[in-house]
N, C-alpha and C. Protein backbone atom coordinates (compact mmCIF):
# COMPACT_ATOMS: atom_id res chain seq x y z
N MET A 1 6.37 22.39 -15.80
CA MET A 1 7.32 22.40 -14.63
C MET A 1 7.13 21.18 -13.74
N ARG A 2 8.00 20.83 -13.00
CA ARG A 2 7.96 19.55 -12.09
C ARG A 2 7.88 20.10 -10.65
N CYS A 3 7.05 19.43 -9.92
CA CYS A 3 6.87 19.74 -8.51
C CYS A 3 8.02 19.24 -7.76
N LYS A 4 8.59 20.16 -6.85
CA LYS A 4 9.73 19.61 -6.09
C LYS A 4 9.42 18.60 -5.08
N SER A 5 8.09 18.52 -4.61
CA SER A 5 7.65 17.55 -3.61
C SER A 5 7.39 16.17 -4.22
N CYS A 6 6.50 16.15 -5.19
CA CYS A 6 6.09 14.91 -5.73
C CYS A 6 6.64 14.60 -7.21
N GLU A 7 7.32 15.58 -7.76
CA GLU A 7 7.95 15.50 -9.05
C GLU A 7 6.98 15.18 -10.28
N SER A 8 5.73 15.55 -10.01
CA SER A 8 4.75 15.37 -11.13
C SER A 8 4.81 16.71 -11.82
N SER A 9 4.32 16.63 -13.13
CA SER A 9 4.34 17.86 -13.96
C SER A 9 3.16 18.79 -13.52
N PHE A 10 3.29 19.99 -13.63
CA PHE A 10 2.07 20.85 -13.34
C PHE A 10 2.33 22.26 -14.05
N GLN A 11 1.21 22.95 -14.16
CA GLN A 11 1.34 24.31 -14.65
C GLN A 11 1.58 25.25 -13.56
N ASP A 12 2.00 26.43 -13.80
CA ASP A 12 2.35 27.38 -12.78
C ASP A 12 1.34 27.52 -11.63
N TYR A 13 1.82 27.34 -10.37
CA TYR A 13 0.79 27.45 -9.36
C TYR A 13 1.51 28.35 -8.18
N TYR A 14 2.07 27.66 -7.25
CA TYR A 14 2.96 28.38 -6.22
C TYR A 14 4.37 27.96 -6.17
N ALA A 15 5.28 28.92 -6.38
CA ALA A 15 6.65 28.60 -6.42
C ALA A 15 7.10 27.35 -7.15
N ASP A 16 7.65 26.35 -6.49
CA ASP A 16 8.01 25.17 -7.11
C ASP A 16 7.21 23.89 -6.80
N THR A 17 5.92 24.14 -6.43
CA THR A 17 5.10 22.99 -6.00
C THR A 17 3.78 23.04 -6.69
N CYS A 18 3.24 21.97 -6.91
CA CYS A 18 1.85 21.85 -7.58
C CYS A 18 0.83 22.20 -6.53
N LYS A 19 -0.41 22.45 -6.90
CA LYS A 19 -1.48 22.86 -6.03
C LYS A 19 -1.71 21.73 -5.00
N GLN A 20 -1.72 20.53 -5.35
CA GLN A 20 -2.03 19.51 -4.33
C GLN A 20 -0.94 19.54 -3.17
N CYS A 21 0.40 19.57 -3.53
CA CYS A 21 1.44 19.72 -2.44
C CYS A 21 1.43 20.92 -1.73
N HIS A 22 1.08 22.11 -2.42
CA HIS A 22 0.97 23.32 -1.77
C HIS A 22 -0.09 23.29 -0.69
N GLU A 23 -1.23 22.68 -1.00
CA GLU A 23 -2.35 22.55 0.09
C GLU A 23 -1.94 21.60 1.13
N HIS A 24 -1.18 20.56 0.78
CA HIS A 24 -0.71 19.69 1.88
C HIS A 24 0.31 20.44 2.74
N HIS A 25 1.25 21.23 2.25
CA HIS A 25 2.19 21.87 3.01
C HIS A 25 1.50 22.92 3.97
N LYS A 26 0.40 23.63 3.51
CA LYS A 26 -0.36 24.62 4.18
C LYS A 26 -0.97 23.80 5.41
N ALA A 27 -1.56 22.66 5.14
CA ALA A 27 -2.26 21.83 6.22
C ALA A 27 -1.23 21.48 7.28
N LYS A 28 -0.04 21.09 6.89
CA LYS A 28 0.95 20.60 7.70
C LYS A 28 1.50 21.71 8.58
N VAL A 29 1.71 22.91 7.98
CA VAL A 29 2.10 24.07 8.75
C VAL A 29 0.99 24.45 9.82
N ALA A 30 -0.30 24.47 9.36
CA ALA A 30 -1.36 24.86 10.26
C ALA A 30 -1.40 23.82 11.43
N PHE A 31 -1.21 22.51 11.08
CA PHE A 31 -1.16 21.47 12.19
C PHE A 31 -0.08 21.69 13.18
N LEU A 32 1.10 21.86 12.67
CA LEU A 32 2.37 22.05 13.48
C LEU A 32 2.33 23.41 14.27
N GLY A 33 1.59 24.42 13.77
CA GLY A 33 1.54 25.60 14.33
C GLY A 33 0.60 25.93 15.55
N ALA A 34 -0.16 24.78 15.81
CA ALA A 34 -1.09 24.98 16.90
C ALA A 34 -0.48 25.33 18.20
N THR A 35 -1.06 26.00 19.02
CA THR A 35 -0.62 26.55 20.19
C THR A 35 -0.26 25.47 21.23
N HIS A 36 0.66 25.53 22.04
CA HIS A 36 1.02 24.60 23.20
C HIS A 36 0.75 25.27 24.52
N PRO A 37 -0.30 25.00 25.18
CA PRO A 37 -0.64 25.72 26.38
C PRO A 37 0.53 25.35 27.44
N ALA A 38 0.95 26.39 28.11
CA ALA A 38 2.11 26.20 28.99
C ALA A 38 1.75 25.61 30.23
N SER A 39 0.43 25.45 30.58
CA SER A 39 -0.07 25.00 31.89
C SER A 39 -0.03 23.48 32.00
N PHE A 40 0.41 22.77 30.91
CA PHE A 40 0.47 21.21 30.96
C PHE A 40 1.87 20.81 31.17
N SER A 41 2.06 19.72 31.87
CA SER A 41 3.28 19.36 32.18
C SER A 41 3.59 18.01 31.31
N ASP A 42 4.75 17.27 31.58
CA ASP A 42 5.02 16.25 30.81
C ASP A 42 4.29 14.87 31.18
N VAL A 43 4.32 13.95 30.28
CA VAL A 43 3.52 12.69 30.48
C VAL A 43 4.26 11.58 29.75
N VAL A 44 3.96 10.38 30.14
CA VAL A 44 4.53 9.22 29.31
C VAL A 44 3.32 8.27 28.95
N LEU A 45 3.63 7.70 27.82
CA LEU A 45 2.56 6.81 27.13
C LEU A 45 3.13 5.41 27.17
N PHE A 46 2.20 4.40 27.39
CA PHE A 46 2.65 2.93 27.24
C PHE A 46 1.66 2.26 26.23
N ALA A 47 2.24 1.42 25.50
CA ALA A 47 1.40 0.55 24.56
C ALA A 47 1.00 -0.66 25.50
N SER A 48 -0.31 -0.89 25.77
CA SER A 48 -0.69 -1.73 26.69
C SER A 48 -0.43 -3.21 26.19
N ASP A 49 -0.43 -3.26 24.67
CA ASP A 49 -0.19 -4.68 24.27
C ASP A 49 1.39 -4.93 24.31
N ASP A 50 2.20 -3.99 24.71
CA ASP A 50 3.68 -4.28 24.70
C ASP A 50 4.25 -3.45 25.75
N GLU A 51 3.81 -3.57 27.05
CA GLU A 51 4.24 -2.66 28.08
C GLU A 51 5.84 -2.85 28.38
N ALA A 52 6.20 -4.07 28.02
CA ALA A 52 7.62 -4.40 28.32
C ALA A 52 8.61 -3.56 27.49
N ALA A 53 8.10 -3.01 26.52
CA ALA A 53 9.01 -2.17 25.55
C ALA A 53 9.18 -0.85 26.15
N GLY A 54 8.59 -0.48 27.28
CA GLY A 54 8.88 0.74 27.87
C GLY A 54 7.99 1.93 27.57
N PRO A 55 8.30 3.11 28.27
CA PRO A 55 7.39 4.28 28.08
C PRO A 55 7.83 5.03 26.89
N ILE A 56 6.86 5.75 26.24
CA ILE A 56 7.09 6.69 25.15
C ILE A 56 6.86 8.14 25.89
N PRO A 57 7.91 8.91 26.00
CA PRO A 57 7.72 10.21 26.58
C PRO A 57 7.06 11.25 25.68
N ALA A 58 6.34 12.05 26.20
CA ALA A 58 5.64 13.11 25.37
C ALA A 58 5.35 14.37 26.25
N HIS A 59 4.81 15.35 25.69
CA HIS A 59 4.40 16.53 26.53
C HIS A 59 2.99 16.84 26.35
N LYS A 60 2.35 17.04 27.50
CA LYS A 60 0.86 17.34 27.52
C LYS A 60 0.49 18.46 26.56
N ALA A 61 1.41 19.40 26.59
CA ALA A 61 1.12 20.69 25.75
C ALA A 61 0.91 20.26 24.31
N VAL A 62 1.79 19.29 23.82
CA VAL A 62 1.67 18.88 22.40
C VAL A 62 0.58 18.02 22.21
N LEU A 63 0.19 17.07 23.17
CA LEU A 63 -0.91 16.14 23.02
C LEU A 63 -2.28 16.85 22.87
N VAL A 64 -2.38 17.85 23.85
CA VAL A 64 -3.62 18.57 23.84
C VAL A 64 -3.83 19.54 22.76
N SER A 65 -2.81 19.97 22.11
CA SER A 65 -2.92 20.86 20.94
C SER A 65 -3.16 20.11 19.62
N ARG A 66 -2.91 18.83 19.68
CA ARG A 66 -3.12 17.98 18.43
C ARG A 66 -4.34 17.23 18.41
N SER A 67 -4.86 16.85 19.64
CA SER A 67 -5.86 15.92 19.82
C SER A 67 -6.92 16.40 20.79
N PRO A 68 -8.28 16.54 20.29
CA PRO A 68 -9.25 16.88 21.27
C PRO A 68 -9.57 15.99 22.36
N VAL A 69 -9.24 14.74 22.12
CA VAL A 69 -9.46 13.57 22.90
C VAL A 69 -8.47 13.77 24.14
N PHE A 70 -7.15 14.01 23.84
CA PHE A 70 -6.19 14.16 24.94
C PHE A 70 -6.51 15.53 25.61
N ARG A 71 -7.01 16.56 24.92
CA ARG A 71 -7.38 17.74 25.66
C ARG A 71 -8.37 17.49 26.69
N ALA A 72 -9.40 16.86 26.25
CA ALA A 72 -10.50 16.44 27.22
C ALA A 72 -10.07 15.64 28.33
N MET A 73 -9.13 14.76 28.12
CA MET A 73 -8.56 13.83 29.16
C MET A 73 -7.93 14.69 30.17
N PHE A 74 -7.06 15.61 29.83
CA PHE A 74 -6.27 16.39 30.68
C PHE A 74 -7.00 17.57 31.42
N GLU A 75 -7.90 18.23 30.75
CA GLU A 75 -8.71 19.29 31.22
C GLU A 75 -9.80 18.76 32.26
N ASN A 76 -10.23 17.53 32.10
CA ASN A 76 -11.20 16.98 33.04
C ASN A 76 -10.51 16.23 34.24
N GLU A 77 -9.26 16.39 34.29
CA GLU A 77 -8.45 15.81 35.42
C GLU A 77 -8.84 14.35 35.62
N MET A 78 -8.75 13.62 34.47
CA MET A 78 -9.01 12.09 34.52
C MET A 78 -7.80 11.47 35.16
N GLU A 79 -7.89 10.18 35.50
CA GLU A 79 -6.76 9.53 36.15
C GLU A 79 -5.35 9.72 35.50
N GLU A 80 -5.40 9.64 34.11
CA GLU A 80 -4.26 9.87 33.34
C GLU A 80 -3.60 11.33 33.54
N SER A 81 -4.31 12.25 33.67
CA SER A 81 -3.90 13.53 33.86
C SER A 81 -3.24 13.71 35.36
N LEU A 82 -3.74 12.97 36.19
CA LEU A 82 -3.17 13.10 37.51
C LEU A 82 -1.89 12.26 37.74
N SER A 83 -1.80 11.17 37.15
CA SER A 83 -0.70 10.24 37.22
C SER A 83 0.42 10.49 36.34
N GLY A 84 0.04 11.17 35.22
CA GLY A 84 1.11 11.41 34.16
C GLY A 84 1.45 10.20 33.30
N THR A 85 0.55 9.15 33.43
CA THR A 85 0.82 7.89 32.68
C THR A 85 -0.47 7.65 31.84
N ILE A 86 -0.33 7.35 30.58
CA ILE A 86 -1.35 7.04 29.68
C ILE A 86 -1.07 5.64 29.16
N LYS A 87 -2.06 4.67 29.35
CA LYS A 87 -1.89 3.44 28.78
C LYS A 87 -2.89 3.36 27.50
N ILE A 88 -2.27 2.95 26.34
CA ILE A 88 -3.04 2.98 25.07
C ILE A 88 -3.31 1.60 24.74
N GLY A 89 -4.54 1.14 24.68
CA GLY A 89 -4.96 -0.20 24.48
C GLY A 89 -4.86 -0.58 22.96
N GLU A 90 -4.66 -1.91 22.70
CA GLU A 90 -4.75 -2.39 21.34
C GLU A 90 -3.89 -1.71 20.36
N VAL A 91 -2.68 -1.46 20.76
CA VAL A 91 -1.73 -0.83 19.94
C VAL A 91 -0.32 -1.23 20.10
N SER A 92 0.46 -1.50 19.05
CA SER A 92 1.89 -1.88 19.32
C SER A 92 2.75 -0.68 19.66
N TYR A 93 3.97 -1.07 20.22
CA TYR A 93 4.87 -0.04 20.67
C TYR A 93 5.27 0.78 19.46
N ARG A 94 5.52 0.08 18.37
CA ARG A 94 5.91 0.75 17.09
C ARG A 94 5.00 1.70 16.57
N THR A 95 3.71 1.32 16.63
CA THR A 95 2.61 2.17 16.11
C THR A 95 2.36 3.38 17.07
N LEU A 96 2.43 3.22 18.29
CA LEU A 96 2.24 4.23 19.26
C LEU A 96 3.47 5.20 19.10
N GLY A 97 4.65 4.69 18.99
CA GLY A 97 5.87 5.58 18.89
C GLY A 97 5.57 6.50 17.50
N ALA A 98 5.26 5.95 16.56
CA ALA A 98 5.06 6.60 15.25
C ALA A 98 3.94 7.62 15.43
N PHE A 99 2.88 7.27 16.04
CA PHE A 99 1.76 8.19 16.32
C PHE A 99 2.24 9.43 17.07
N VAL A 100 2.94 9.24 18.21
CA VAL A 100 3.47 10.37 19.00
C VAL A 100 4.46 11.17 18.15
N ASN A 101 5.27 10.55 17.55
CA ASN A 101 6.27 11.30 16.63
C ASN A 101 5.60 12.14 15.60
N TYR A 102 4.54 11.60 15.10
CA TYR A 102 3.68 12.37 14.12
C TYR A 102 3.15 13.61 14.73
N LEU A 103 2.64 13.64 16.01
CA LEU A 103 2.16 14.66 16.64
C LEU A 103 3.07 15.85 16.82
N TYR A 104 4.36 15.44 16.85
CA TYR A 104 5.50 16.52 16.89
C TYR A 104 5.92 16.91 15.53
N THR A 105 5.89 15.99 14.56
CA THR A 105 6.70 16.34 13.26
C THR A 105 5.69 16.38 11.98
N ALA A 106 4.58 15.80 12.16
CA ALA A 106 3.64 15.55 10.89
C ALA A 106 4.31 14.79 9.84
N GLU A 107 5.19 13.79 10.37
CA GLU A 107 5.95 13.02 9.34
C GLU A 107 5.81 11.46 9.75
N VAL A 108 5.63 10.59 8.82
CA VAL A 108 5.70 9.20 9.03
C VAL A 108 5.86 8.48 7.67
N ARG A 109 6.66 7.42 7.78
CA ARG A 109 6.80 6.60 6.56
C ARG A 109 5.87 5.43 6.63
N LEU A 110 4.94 5.34 5.67
CA LEU A 110 3.88 4.33 5.71
C LEU A 110 4.13 3.13 4.86
N ASP A 111 3.57 1.89 5.41
CA ASP A 111 3.31 0.82 4.58
C ASP A 111 1.89 0.43 4.71
N GLN A 112 1.37 -0.54 4.18
CA GLN A 112 0.01 -0.77 4.15
C GLN A 112 -0.55 -1.06 5.61
N GLN A 113 0.14 -1.97 6.34
CA GLN A 113 -0.26 -2.29 7.70
C GLN A 113 -0.19 -1.05 8.60
N PHE A 114 0.89 -0.30 8.52
CA PHE A 114 1.13 0.89 9.37
C PHE A 114 -0.03 1.86 9.08
N ALA A 115 -0.27 2.04 7.75
CA ALA A 115 -1.45 3.04 7.46
C ALA A 115 -2.62 2.73 8.04
N CYS A 116 -3.02 1.30 8.04
CA CYS A 116 -4.22 0.97 8.66
C CYS A 116 -4.17 1.11 10.29
N ASP A 117 -3.09 0.76 10.88
CA ASP A 117 -2.87 1.01 12.29
C ASP A 117 -3.02 2.44 12.70
N LEU A 118 -2.41 3.26 12.01
CA LEU A 118 -2.39 4.67 12.27
C LEU A 118 -3.59 5.37 12.02
N PHE A 119 -4.27 4.88 10.95
CA PHE A 119 -5.73 5.42 10.56
C PHE A 119 -6.61 5.17 11.83
N VAL A 120 -6.48 4.03 12.39
CA VAL A 120 -7.43 3.70 13.64
C VAL A 120 -7.12 4.63 14.75
N MET A 121 -5.81 4.75 14.99
CA MET A 121 -5.41 5.68 16.12
C MET A 121 -5.71 7.13 15.84
N ALA A 122 -5.61 7.60 14.57
CA ALA A 122 -5.91 8.87 14.32
C ALA A 122 -7.39 9.11 14.49
N GLU A 123 -8.29 8.24 14.17
CA GLU A 123 -9.64 8.36 14.46
C GLU A 123 -10.12 8.42 15.83
N LYS A 124 -9.43 7.47 16.57
CA LYS A 124 -9.72 7.32 18.03
C LYS A 124 -9.32 8.57 18.77
N TYR A 125 -8.27 9.19 18.35
CA TYR A 125 -7.75 10.57 19.04
C TYR A 125 -8.12 11.68 18.31
N GLN A 126 -8.89 11.56 17.22
CA GLN A 126 -9.46 12.74 16.42
C GLN A 126 -8.29 13.59 15.88
N VAL A 127 -7.31 12.96 15.40
CA VAL A 127 -6.14 13.64 14.72
C VAL A 127 -6.45 13.69 13.28
N GLN A 128 -7.27 14.69 12.83
CA GLN A 128 -7.75 14.59 11.33
C GLN A 128 -6.62 14.66 10.42
N HIS A 129 -5.63 15.41 10.75
CA HIS A 129 -4.47 15.52 9.76
C HIS A 129 -3.86 14.23 9.36
N LEU A 130 -3.63 13.41 10.43
CA LEU A 130 -3.01 12.02 10.31
C LEU A 130 -4.01 11.16 9.57
N LYS A 131 -5.29 11.16 10.03
CA LYS A 131 -6.36 10.39 9.35
C LYS A 131 -6.36 10.60 7.96
N ASP A 132 -6.38 11.83 7.56
CA ASP A 132 -6.53 12.22 6.07
C ASP A 132 -5.20 11.75 5.27
N TYR A 133 -4.12 11.71 5.96
CA TYR A 133 -2.74 11.31 5.40
C TYR A 133 -2.79 9.81 5.22
N CYS A 134 -3.36 9.01 6.10
CA CYS A 134 -3.44 7.67 5.95
C CYS A 134 -4.47 7.28 4.97
N GLN A 135 -5.55 8.01 5.02
CA GLN A 135 -6.61 7.59 4.03
C GLN A 135 -6.08 7.85 2.50
N THR A 136 -5.32 8.92 2.35
CA THR A 136 -4.74 9.09 0.99
C THR A 136 -3.88 8.11 0.64
N PHE A 137 -3.03 7.57 1.53
CA PHE A 137 -2.11 6.43 1.27
C PHE A 137 -2.99 5.10 0.96
N LEU A 138 -3.96 4.79 1.68
CA LEU A 138 -4.68 3.54 1.51
C LEU A 138 -5.44 3.67 0.10
N LEU A 139 -5.97 4.76 -0.25
CA LEU A 139 -6.59 4.99 -1.44
C LEU A 139 -5.64 4.80 -2.62
N ALA A 140 -4.43 5.36 -2.50
CA ALA A 140 -3.46 5.45 -3.57
C ALA A 140 -2.78 3.99 -3.76
N ASN A 141 -2.80 3.13 -2.79
CA ASN A 141 -2.29 1.81 -2.71
C ASN A 141 -3.30 0.62 -2.70
N LEU A 142 -4.43 0.92 -2.99
CA LEU A 142 -5.54 -0.04 -3.04
C LEU A 142 -5.37 -0.92 -4.22
N ASN A 143 -5.40 -2.29 -3.98
CA ASN A 143 -5.20 -3.12 -5.15
C ASN A 143 -6.10 -4.51 -4.83
N CYS A 144 -5.97 -5.47 -5.69
CA CYS A 144 -6.76 -6.65 -5.45
C CYS A 144 -6.42 -7.42 -4.21
N ASP A 145 -5.03 -7.43 -3.92
CA ASP A 145 -4.63 -8.14 -2.75
C ASP A 145 -5.04 -7.67 -1.48
N ASN A 146 -5.12 -6.36 -1.32
CA ASN A 146 -5.42 -5.74 -0.08
C ASN A 146 -6.93 -5.14 0.04
N SER A 147 -7.76 -5.33 -1.05
CA SER A 147 -9.04 -4.70 -1.19
C SER A 147 -10.00 -5.24 -0.04
N LEU A 148 -9.97 -6.48 0.23
CA LEU A 148 -10.93 -7.03 1.23
C LEU A 148 -10.61 -6.48 2.67
N SER A 149 -9.30 -6.59 2.90
CA SER A 149 -8.91 -6.11 4.32
C SER A 149 -9.12 -4.66 4.57
N THR A 150 -8.89 -3.83 3.38
CA THR A 150 -9.01 -2.36 3.51
C THR A 150 -10.57 -2.10 3.55
N TYR A 151 -11.29 -2.83 2.87
CA TYR A 151 -12.79 -2.62 2.82
C TYR A 151 -13.34 -2.91 4.15
N THR A 152 -12.81 -3.98 4.83
CA THR A 152 -13.41 -4.31 6.19
C THR A 152 -13.01 -3.32 7.18
N LEU A 153 -11.74 -2.81 7.09
CA LEU A 153 -11.25 -1.70 8.07
C LEU A 153 -12.14 -0.50 7.82
N ALA A 154 -12.21 -0.07 6.61
CA ALA A 154 -13.10 1.11 6.34
C ALA A 154 -14.49 1.07 6.87
N HIS A 155 -15.11 -0.15 6.82
CA HIS A 155 -16.37 -0.35 7.36
C HIS A 155 -16.36 -0.18 8.89
N ARG A 156 -15.47 -0.71 9.52
CA ARG A 156 -15.37 -0.62 10.96
C ARG A 156 -15.43 0.80 11.41
N HIS A 157 -14.74 1.78 10.48
CA HIS A 157 -14.51 3.08 10.92
C HIS A 157 -15.22 4.13 10.00
N ASN A 158 -16.41 3.58 9.39
CA ASN A 158 -17.15 4.42 8.57
C ASN A 158 -16.48 5.31 7.61
N ALA A 159 -15.49 4.85 6.94
CA ALA A 159 -14.64 5.74 5.91
C ALA A 159 -15.33 5.51 4.53
N LYS A 160 -16.35 6.34 4.19
CA LYS A 160 -17.12 6.02 3.03
C LYS A 160 -16.23 6.08 1.81
N GLN A 161 -15.25 7.12 1.64
CA GLN A 161 -14.52 7.15 0.50
C GLN A 161 -13.62 6.02 0.28
N ILE A 162 -13.07 5.36 1.36
CA ILE A 162 -12.28 4.12 1.09
C ILE A 162 -13.37 2.96 0.86
N ILE A 163 -14.45 2.86 1.45
CA ILE A 163 -15.45 1.87 1.19
C ILE A 163 -15.77 1.78 -0.29
N ASP A 164 -16.07 3.00 -0.81
CA ASP A 164 -16.47 3.03 -2.25
C ASP A 164 -15.34 2.61 -3.19
N ALA A 165 -14.26 3.15 -2.83
CA ALA A 165 -13.08 2.67 -3.74
C ALA A 165 -12.74 1.20 -3.61
N ALA A 166 -12.78 0.59 -2.38
CA ALA A 166 -12.47 -0.73 -2.25
C ALA A 166 -13.62 -1.64 -2.97
N LEU A 167 -14.87 -1.24 -2.93
CA LEU A 167 -15.89 -2.06 -3.58
C LEU A 167 -15.65 -2.12 -5.13
N ILE A 168 -15.13 -0.95 -5.62
CA ILE A 168 -14.86 -1.04 -7.08
C ILE A 168 -13.75 -2.06 -7.46
N VAL A 169 -12.71 -2.06 -6.51
CA VAL A 169 -11.58 -2.98 -6.83
C VAL A 169 -12.15 -4.46 -6.60
N ILE A 170 -12.94 -4.58 -5.53
CA ILE A 170 -13.45 -5.97 -5.24
C ILE A 170 -14.39 -6.51 -6.39
N THR A 171 -15.29 -5.65 -6.83
CA THR A 171 -16.28 -6.21 -7.71
C THR A 171 -15.66 -6.30 -9.22
N ASP A 172 -14.50 -5.69 -9.44
CA ASP A 172 -13.76 -5.91 -10.66
C ASP A 172 -12.95 -7.20 -10.68
N ASN A 173 -12.77 -7.74 -9.38
CA ASN A 173 -11.89 -8.91 -9.29
C ASN A 173 -12.70 -10.03 -8.53
N MET A 174 -13.94 -10.25 -8.71
CA MET A 174 -14.77 -11.16 -7.99
C MET A 174 -14.17 -12.64 -8.18
N ASP A 175 -13.87 -12.93 -9.36
CA ASP A 175 -13.42 -14.36 -9.72
C ASP A 175 -12.17 -14.73 -8.82
N LYS A 176 -11.30 -13.83 -8.66
CA LYS A 176 -10.02 -14.04 -7.94
C LYS A 176 -10.30 -14.05 -6.41
N LEU A 177 -11.18 -13.10 -5.94
CA LEU A 177 -11.27 -12.86 -4.51
C LEU A 177 -12.17 -13.85 -3.85
N THR A 178 -13.27 -14.23 -4.54
CA THR A 178 -14.24 -15.19 -3.88
C THR A 178 -13.62 -16.54 -3.69
N SER A 179 -12.41 -16.89 -4.29
CA SER A 179 -11.85 -18.24 -4.05
C SER A 179 -10.79 -18.16 -2.92
N ARG A 180 -10.61 -16.99 -2.29
CA ARG A 180 -9.64 -16.92 -1.21
C ARG A 180 -10.12 -17.15 0.08
N LYS A 181 -9.27 -17.64 1.01
CA LYS A 181 -9.73 -17.89 2.37
C LYS A 181 -10.22 -16.69 3.04
N GLU A 182 -9.65 -15.52 2.77
CA GLU A 182 -10.02 -14.26 3.26
C GLU A 182 -11.47 -13.87 3.09
N TYR A 183 -11.94 -14.29 1.86
CA TYR A 183 -13.28 -13.99 1.54
C TYR A 183 -14.22 -15.05 2.27
N ALA A 184 -13.79 -16.25 2.41
CA ALA A 184 -14.66 -17.30 3.09
C ALA A 184 -14.69 -16.72 4.59
N LYS A 185 -13.60 -16.37 5.23
CA LYS A 185 -13.76 -15.76 6.60
C LYS A 185 -14.64 -14.67 6.81
N LEU A 186 -14.70 -13.81 5.74
CA LEU A 186 -15.56 -12.53 5.70
C LEU A 186 -17.02 -13.07 5.75
N LYS A 187 -17.33 -14.11 4.93
CA LYS A 187 -18.72 -14.60 4.79
C LYS A 187 -19.09 -15.09 6.14
N GLU A 188 -18.23 -15.80 6.87
CA GLU A 188 -18.56 -16.41 8.11
C GLU A 188 -18.64 -15.40 9.21
N LYS A 189 -17.77 -14.41 9.27
CA LYS A 189 -17.72 -13.46 10.35
C LYS A 189 -18.65 -12.30 10.18
N ASP A 190 -18.77 -11.80 8.96
CA ASP A 190 -19.63 -10.53 8.77
C ASP A 190 -20.45 -10.71 7.45
N PRO A 191 -21.41 -11.57 7.40
CA PRO A 191 -22.15 -11.70 6.01
C PRO A 191 -22.74 -10.47 5.58
N GLN A 192 -23.11 -9.50 6.47
CA GLN A 192 -23.69 -8.25 6.00
C GLN A 192 -22.72 -7.64 4.97
N LEU A 193 -21.47 -7.60 5.24
CA LEU A 193 -20.43 -7.00 4.31
C LEU A 193 -20.53 -7.68 3.00
N VAL A 194 -20.69 -8.91 3.06
CA VAL A 194 -20.68 -9.75 1.75
C VAL A 194 -21.89 -9.54 1.02
N ILE A 195 -23.04 -9.12 1.66
CA ILE A 195 -24.19 -8.76 1.00
C ILE A 195 -24.04 -7.36 0.24
N GLU A 196 -23.36 -6.46 1.00
CA GLU A 196 -23.02 -5.17 0.30
C GLU A 196 -22.14 -5.41 -0.92
N ILE A 197 -21.16 -6.34 -0.87
CA ILE A 197 -20.32 -6.52 -2.03
C ILE A 197 -21.25 -7.06 -3.16
N TYR A 198 -22.12 -7.91 -2.72
CA TYR A 198 -23.05 -8.60 -3.83
C TYR A 198 -23.88 -7.54 -4.52
N GLU A 199 -24.44 -6.70 -3.66
CA GLU A 199 -25.21 -5.52 -4.18
C GLU A 199 -24.43 -4.63 -5.08
N ALA A 200 -23.29 -4.30 -4.73
CA ALA A 200 -22.36 -3.46 -5.53
C ALA A 200 -21.98 -4.05 -6.87
N PHE A 201 -21.86 -5.40 -6.75
CA PHE A 201 -21.48 -6.16 -7.96
C PHE A 201 -22.58 -6.16 -8.94
N LEU A 202 -23.85 -6.34 -8.44
CA LEU A 202 -24.94 -6.33 -9.25
C LEU A 202 -25.22 -4.94 -9.91
N SER A 203 -24.96 -3.86 -9.07
CA SER A 203 -25.28 -2.50 -9.56
C SER A 203 -24.42 -2.12 -10.64
N ARG A 204 -23.14 -2.67 -10.81
CA ARG A 204 -22.22 -2.36 -11.84
C ARG A 204 -22.45 -3.18 -13.09
N HIS A 205 -23.51 -4.05 -13.31
CA HIS A 205 -23.67 -4.79 -14.37
C HIS A 205 -24.95 -4.44 -14.82
N SER A 206 -25.19 -4.27 -16.16
CA SER A 206 -26.44 -3.82 -16.78
C SER A 206 -27.47 -4.92 -16.75
N SER A 207 -27.08 -6.16 -17.00
CA SER A 207 -28.02 -7.30 -16.99
C SER A 207 -28.16 -7.86 -15.60
N PHE A 208 -29.12 -7.29 -14.78
CA PHE A 208 -29.31 -7.66 -13.42
C PHE A 208 -29.70 -9.18 -13.41
N SER A 209 -30.61 -9.57 -14.12
CA SER A 209 -31.16 -10.94 -13.97
C SER A 209 -30.17 -11.94 -14.32
N CYS A 210 -29.28 -11.62 -15.31
CA CYS A 210 -28.29 -12.61 -15.87
C CYS A 210 -27.17 -12.82 -14.68
N VAL A 211 -26.83 -11.57 -14.13
CA VAL A 211 -25.88 -11.72 -13.08
C VAL A 211 -26.42 -12.45 -11.81
N ARG A 212 -27.67 -12.28 -11.43
CA ARG A 212 -28.21 -12.89 -10.44
C ARG A 212 -28.11 -14.42 -10.50
N THR A 213 -28.29 -14.92 -11.61
CA THR A 213 -28.21 -16.39 -11.77
C THR A 213 -26.83 -16.89 -11.69
N VAL A 214 -25.93 -16.07 -11.79
CA VAL A 214 -24.39 -16.50 -11.62
C VAL A 214 -23.93 -16.43 -10.18
N TYR A 215 -24.27 -15.27 -9.59
CA TYR A 215 -23.68 -15.06 -8.15
C TYR A 215 -24.86 -14.58 -7.22
N SER A 216 -24.58 -15.07 -5.99
CA SER A 216 -25.38 -14.68 -4.88
C SER A 216 -24.48 -14.47 -3.71
N PRO A 217 -24.80 -13.69 -2.74
CA PRO A 217 -23.91 -13.53 -1.49
C PRO A 217 -23.61 -14.90 -0.83
N PHE A 218 -24.44 -15.79 -0.95
CA PHE A 218 -24.17 -17.13 -0.24
C PHE A 218 -23.75 -18.16 -1.10
N THR A 219 -23.72 -18.01 -2.36
CA THR A 219 -23.31 -19.18 -3.31
C THR A 219 -21.92 -18.75 -3.89
N PHE A 220 -21.37 -17.51 -3.60
CA PHE A 220 -20.23 -17.14 -4.15
C PHE A 220 -19.14 -18.29 -3.69
N PRO A 221 -18.22 -18.70 -4.56
CA PRO A 221 -17.30 -19.79 -4.15
C PRO A 221 -16.64 -19.53 -2.87
């Protein structure tokens, strides 16, 4: 049989979907089915990096039911809950709009940069459903060209599954990656991450002493 959602082949599971899609749909229904407390009124959000783009309207009831961070903000009568205006720092208007839309619909069309930006927002506001969705995308689309940037992002947010997957791609493509400006910038900005790459590279080769003579974290091209 073929899954109606992902079109992959599968053995009988639930109706017309494979097990993975079935679980995804269940999680989505649970996410959207969260209660909306009636005691909260409307609110507007601004992307502080692009305030000229205007406000993004939302409902406090939706925000607090999707995000523990928003719930704490409104329940503790912080400035935002009193003014009805929330300024979100270090985010574009497009990303903030997609984030708010996801809280209502659990839908978003991702690309590599968008997945990274929304992954950061999902972690900041503890929206686990969105964070998992972005992580799945980043893992599925991990390649030589984006491995260093994805690895760096994952380290900033302690996403171990992405870190481990990125290290495999990086250490499989050392000859290509160490000659790039992106790698040189990483050595300058965060040498500790380069040491981790070096150690991962060594651990994946059986001849430790032989590899050591060829590469070191500071003599990589």
